[in-house]
C-alpha atoms as a PDB file:
ATOM      1  CA  MET A   1     -10.122 -19.995 -11.817  1.00  0.00           C
ATOM      2  CA  LYS A   2      -9.962 -17.152 -14.491  1.00  0.00           C
ATOM      3  CA  LYS A   3      -6.735 -16.732 -16.424  1.00  0.00           C
ATOM      4  CA  ILE A   4      -5.519 -13.758 -17.984  1.00  0.00           C
ATOM      5  CA  LEU A   5      -3.117 -13.563 -20.404  1.00  0.00           C
ATOM      6  CA  LEU A   6      -0.426 -10.912 -20.346  1.00  0.00           C
ATOM      7  CA  ILE A   7       1.611 -10.083 -23.285  1.00  0.00           C
ATOM      8  CA  GLU A   8       4.304  -7.383 -22.239  1.00  0.00           C
ATOM      9  CA  ASP A   9       8.126  -7.472 -22.816  1.00  0.00           C
ATOM     10  CA  ASN A  10       9.275  -5.253 -20.159  1.00  0.00           C
ATOM     11  CA  ASP A  11      10.085  -7.600 -17.390  1.00  0.00           C
ATOM     12  CA  LEU A  12       9.627  -4.985 -14.398  1.00  0.00           C
ATOM     13  CA  ASN A  13       5.804  -3.843 -16.110  1.00  0.00           C
ATOM     14  CA  LEU A  14       5.467  -7.554 -16.755  1.00  0.00           C
ATOM     15  CA  LYS A  15       6.330  -8.963 -13.210  1.00  0.00           C
ATOM     16  CA  LEU A  16       4.151  -5.655 -11.291  1.00  0.00           C
ATOM     17  CA  MET A  17       1.130  -6.649 -13.399  1.00  0.00           C
ATOM     18  CA  LYS A  18       1.638 -10.222 -12.647  1.00  0.00           C
ATOM     19  CA  ASP A  19       2.390  -9.611  -9.447  1.00  0.00           C
ATOM     20  CA  ILE A  20      -1.098  -7.432  -8.238  1.00  0.00           C
ATOM     21  CA  LEU A  21      -3.156  -9.886 -10.227  1.00  0.00           C
ATOM     22  CA  GLU A  22      -1.947 -13.425  -8.696  1.00  0.00           C
ATOM     23  CA  ALA A  23      -2.061 -11.262  -5.277  1.00  0.00           C
ATOM     24  CA  GLN A  24      -6.120 -10.716  -6.326  1.00  0.00           C
ATOM     25  CA  GLY A  25      -6.336 -14.910  -6.931  1.00  0.00           C
ATOM     26  CA  TYR A  26      -6.253 -14.272 -10.575  1.00  0.00           C
ATOM     27  CA  GLU A  27      -4.220 -17.011 -12.853  1.00  0.00           C
ATOM     28  CA  THR A  28      -1.578 -15.377 -15.137  1.00  0.00           C
ATOM     29  CA  ASP A  29      -0.071 -16.455 -18.219  1.00  0.00           C
ATOM     30  CA  VAL A  30       2.732 -14.660 -20.224  1.00  0.00           C
ATOM     31  CA  ALA A  31       4.177 -13.768 -23.246  1.00  0.00           C
ATOM     32  CA  LYS A  32       7.259 -11.618 -23.860  1.00  0.00           C
ATOM     33  CA  ASP A  33       6.642 -10.793 -27.526  1.00  0.00           C
ATOM     34  CA  GLY A  34       3.464 -10.582 -29.859  1.00  0.00           C
ATOM     35  CA  GLN A  35       4.160 -13.477 -31.591  1.00  0.00           C
ATOM     36  CA  GLU A  36       3.885 -16.150 -28.381  1.00  0.00           C
ATOM     37  CA  GLY A  37       1.086 -13.891 -27.198  1.00  0.00           C
ATOM     38  CA  LEU A  38      -1.077 -14.484 -30.521  1.00  0.00           C
ATOM     39  CA  ASP A  39       0.090 -18.052 -30.591  1.00  0.00           C
ATOM     40  CA  LYS A  40      -1.368 -18.045 -27.036  1.00  0.00           C
ATOM     41  CA  ALA A  41      -4.690 -16.297 -27.421  1.00  0.00           C
ATOM     42  CA  LEU A  42      -5.361 -18.322 -30.310  1.00  0.00           C
ATOM     43  CA  GLN A  43      -4.690 -21.784 -28.884  1.00  0.00           C
ATOM     44  CA  ASN A  44      -5.835 -21.336 -25.413  1.00  0.00           C
ATOM     45  CA  ASP A  45      -9.687 -19.962 -23.767  1.00  0.00           C
ATOM     46  CA  TYR A  46      -8.646 -16.830 -21.370  1.00  0.00           C
ATOM     47  CA  ALA A  47     -10.944 -14.613 -19.833  1.00  0.00           C
ATOM     48  CA  LEU A  48      -9.046 -11.585 -20.212  1.00  0.00           C
ATOM     49  CA  ILE A  49      -6.092 -10.431 -22.285  1.00  0.00           C
ATOM     50  CA  LEU A  50      -3.330  -7.274 -21.045  1.00  0.00           C
ATOM     51  CA  LEU A  51      -1.692  -6.346 -24.330  1.00  0.00           C
ATOM     52  CA  ASP A  52       1.191  -4.052 -24.861  1.00  0.00           C
ATOM     53  CA  ILE A  53       1.545  -2.125 -27.984  1.00  0.00           C
ATOM     54  CA  GLN A  54       5.107  -1.516 -28.348  1.00  0.00           C
ATOM     55  CA  MET A  55       6.329  -5.461 -28.878  1.00  0.00           C
ATOM     56  CA  PRO A  56       8.880  -7.540 -30.661  1.00  0.00           C
ATOM     57  CA  VAL A  57       7.930  -9.966 -33.112  1.00  0.00           C
ATOM     58  CA  VAL A  58       4.331  -8.760 -33.578  1.00  0.00           C
ATOM     59  CA  SER A  59       3.279  -5.560 -32.735  1.00  0.00           C
ATOM     60  CA  GLY A  60       0.226  -4.872 -30.359  1.00  0.00           C
ATOM     61  CA  TYR A  61      -1.422  -3.170 -33.392  1.00  0.00           C
ATOM     62  CA  ASP A  62      -0.778  -6.273 -35.545  1.00  0.00           C
ATOM     63  CA  PHE A  63      -1.844  -8.600 -32.951  1.00  0.00           C
ATOM     64  CA  LEU A  64      -5.426  -6.500 -32.224  1.00  0.00           C
ATOM     65  CA  LYS A  65      -5.409  -7.049 -36.140  1.00  0.00           C
ATOM     66  CA  LEU A  66      -4.766 -10.416 -35.986  1.00  0.00           C
ATOM     67  CA  TYR A  67      -6.690 -11.646 -33.196  1.00  0.00           C
ATOM     68  CA  ASN A  68     -10.021 -13.273 -33.798  1.00  0.00           C
ATOM     69  CA  LYS A  69     -11.678 -14.197 -30.531  1.00  0.00           C
ATOM     70  CA  SER A  70     -13.825 -12.376 -28.516  1.00  0.00           C
ATOM     71  CA  THR A  71     -11.617 -12.801 -25.751  1.00  0.00           C
ATOM     72  CA  PRO A  72     -11.464  -8.716 -23.847  1.00  0.00           C
ATOM     73  CA  ILE A  73      -8.458  -6.831 -24.193  1.00  0.00           C
ATOM     74  CA  VAL A  74      -7.469  -4.561 -22.487  1.00  0.00           C
ATOM     75  CA  VAL A  75      -4.133  -2.662 -23.842  1.00  0.00           C
ATOM     76  CA  VAL A  76      -1.237  -1.349 -20.837  1.00  0.00           C
ATOM     77  CA  SER A  77       0.801   1.246 -23.139  1.00  0.00           C
ATOM     78  CA  ALA A  78       2.755   4.307 -22.355  1.00  0.00           C
ATOM     79  CA  CYS A  79       1.595   5.749 -25.832  1.00  0.00           C
ATOM     80  CA  ALA A  80      -1.017   7.987 -24.201  1.00  0.00           C
ATOM     81  CA  MET A  81      -1.689  10.218 -27.511  1.00  0.00           C
ATOM     82  CA  ASP A  82      -5.614  10.640 -27.876  1.00  0.00           C
ATOM     83  CA  GLU A  83      -5.536   9.827 -31.789  1.00  0.00           C
ATOM     84  CA  GLU A  84      -3.345   6.718 -30.692  1.00  0.00           C
ATOM     85  CA  ILE A  85      -5.403   5.688 -28.412  1.00  0.00           C
ATOM     86  CA  LYS A  86      -8.566   6.565 -30.743  1.00  0.00           C
ATOM     87  CA  ASN A  87      -7.293   3.948 -32.932  1.00  0.00           C
ATOM     88  CA  ILE A  88      -6.152   1.338 -31.229  1.00  0.00           C
ATOM     89  CA  LYS A  89      -9.886   1.027 -30.090  1.00  0.00           C
ATOM     90  CA  GLU A  90     -10.981   1.342 -33.449  1.00  0.00           C
ATOM     91  CA  LEU A  91      -8.696  -1.969 -34.230  1.00  0.00           C
ATOM     92  CA  GLY A  92     -10.932  -4.134 -30.850  1.00  0.00           C
ATOM     93  CA  CYS A  93      -9.227  -2.898 -28.130  1.00  0.00           C
ATOM     94  CA  SER A  94     -12.034  -3.063 -24.985  1.00  0.00           C
ATOM     95  CA  GLU A  95     -10.145  -0.515 -22.564  1.00  0.00           C
ATOM     96  CA  TYR A  96      -6.708   0.977 -22.344  1.00  0.00           C
ATOM     97  CA  ILE A  97      -4.924   2.038 -19.443  1.00  0.00           C
ATOM     98  CA  THR A  98      -1.518   4.149 -19.390  1.00  0.00           C
ATOM     99  CA  LYS A  99       1.900   3.313 -18.014  1.00  0.00           C
ATOM    100  CA  PRO A 100       3.423   3.421 -15.415  1.00  0.00           C
ATOM    101  CA  ILE A 101      -0.061   1.367 -13.816  1.00  0.00           C
ATOM    102  CA  LYS A 102      -2.474   2.658 -11.000  1.00  0.00           C
ATOM    103  CA  ILE A 103      -2.687  -0.005  -8.898  1.00  0.00           C
ATOM    104  CA  LYS A 104      -6.459   0.792  -8.228  1.00  0.00           C
ATOM    105  CA  GLU A 105      -7.435   1.210 -11.596  1.00  0.00           C
ATOM    106  CA  PHE A 106      -5.316  -1.527 -12.781  1.00  0.00           C
ATOM    107  CA  LEU A 107      -7.564  -3.740 -10.934  1.00  0.00           C
ATOM    108  CA  GLN A 108     -11.035  -1.189 -11.178  1.00  0.00           C
ATOM    109  CA  THR A 109     -10.565  -2.432 -14.886  1.00  0.00           C
ATOM    110  CA  VAL A 110      -9.351  -6.521 -14.638  1.00  0.00           C
ATOM    111  CA  ASN A 111     -11.995  -6.717 -12.404  1.00  0.00           C
ATOM    112  CA  LYS A 112     -14.733  -4.605 -14.963  1.00  0.00           C
ATOM    113  CA  TYR A 113     -14.041  -7.117 -17.883  1.00  0.00           C
ATOM    114  CA  ILE A 114     -13.944 -11.333 -15.402  1.00  0.00           C
END
C-alpha cells in the first residue's frame, strides 16, 4: 500500500484530505507542523507528500529548502498568487493545489504522482 504524508496544521483541512485519501484506499500519516513533517519525511519512505505552506515551527518554504529526497511533493495552500506559485515550484514542489480543495482535482493530482 502506498503511504501519503499530510503536513497540515488546520484540523478541518487535515480531516478532509485524510478522509478523501483513506476512502480511496490510501494509507496516510500526518504531521501538524513543518518540523514534525520534515522529521517524518526524512525518516520514512512515502509515495507522496502533501504540504501546506503556512505551517508552524518550520514553514512549507523552509520544508522545501531542507527536504532532499526525491519523493513528489504537492503543495496544498490557500496562497494562490502566480508569483508565489512560481517560487514554490522553483523550490522543488511537483504540483500546486489551491484551497479550498476540489475533490475531483485533488484526487486526479494525487493519482498522477502515485
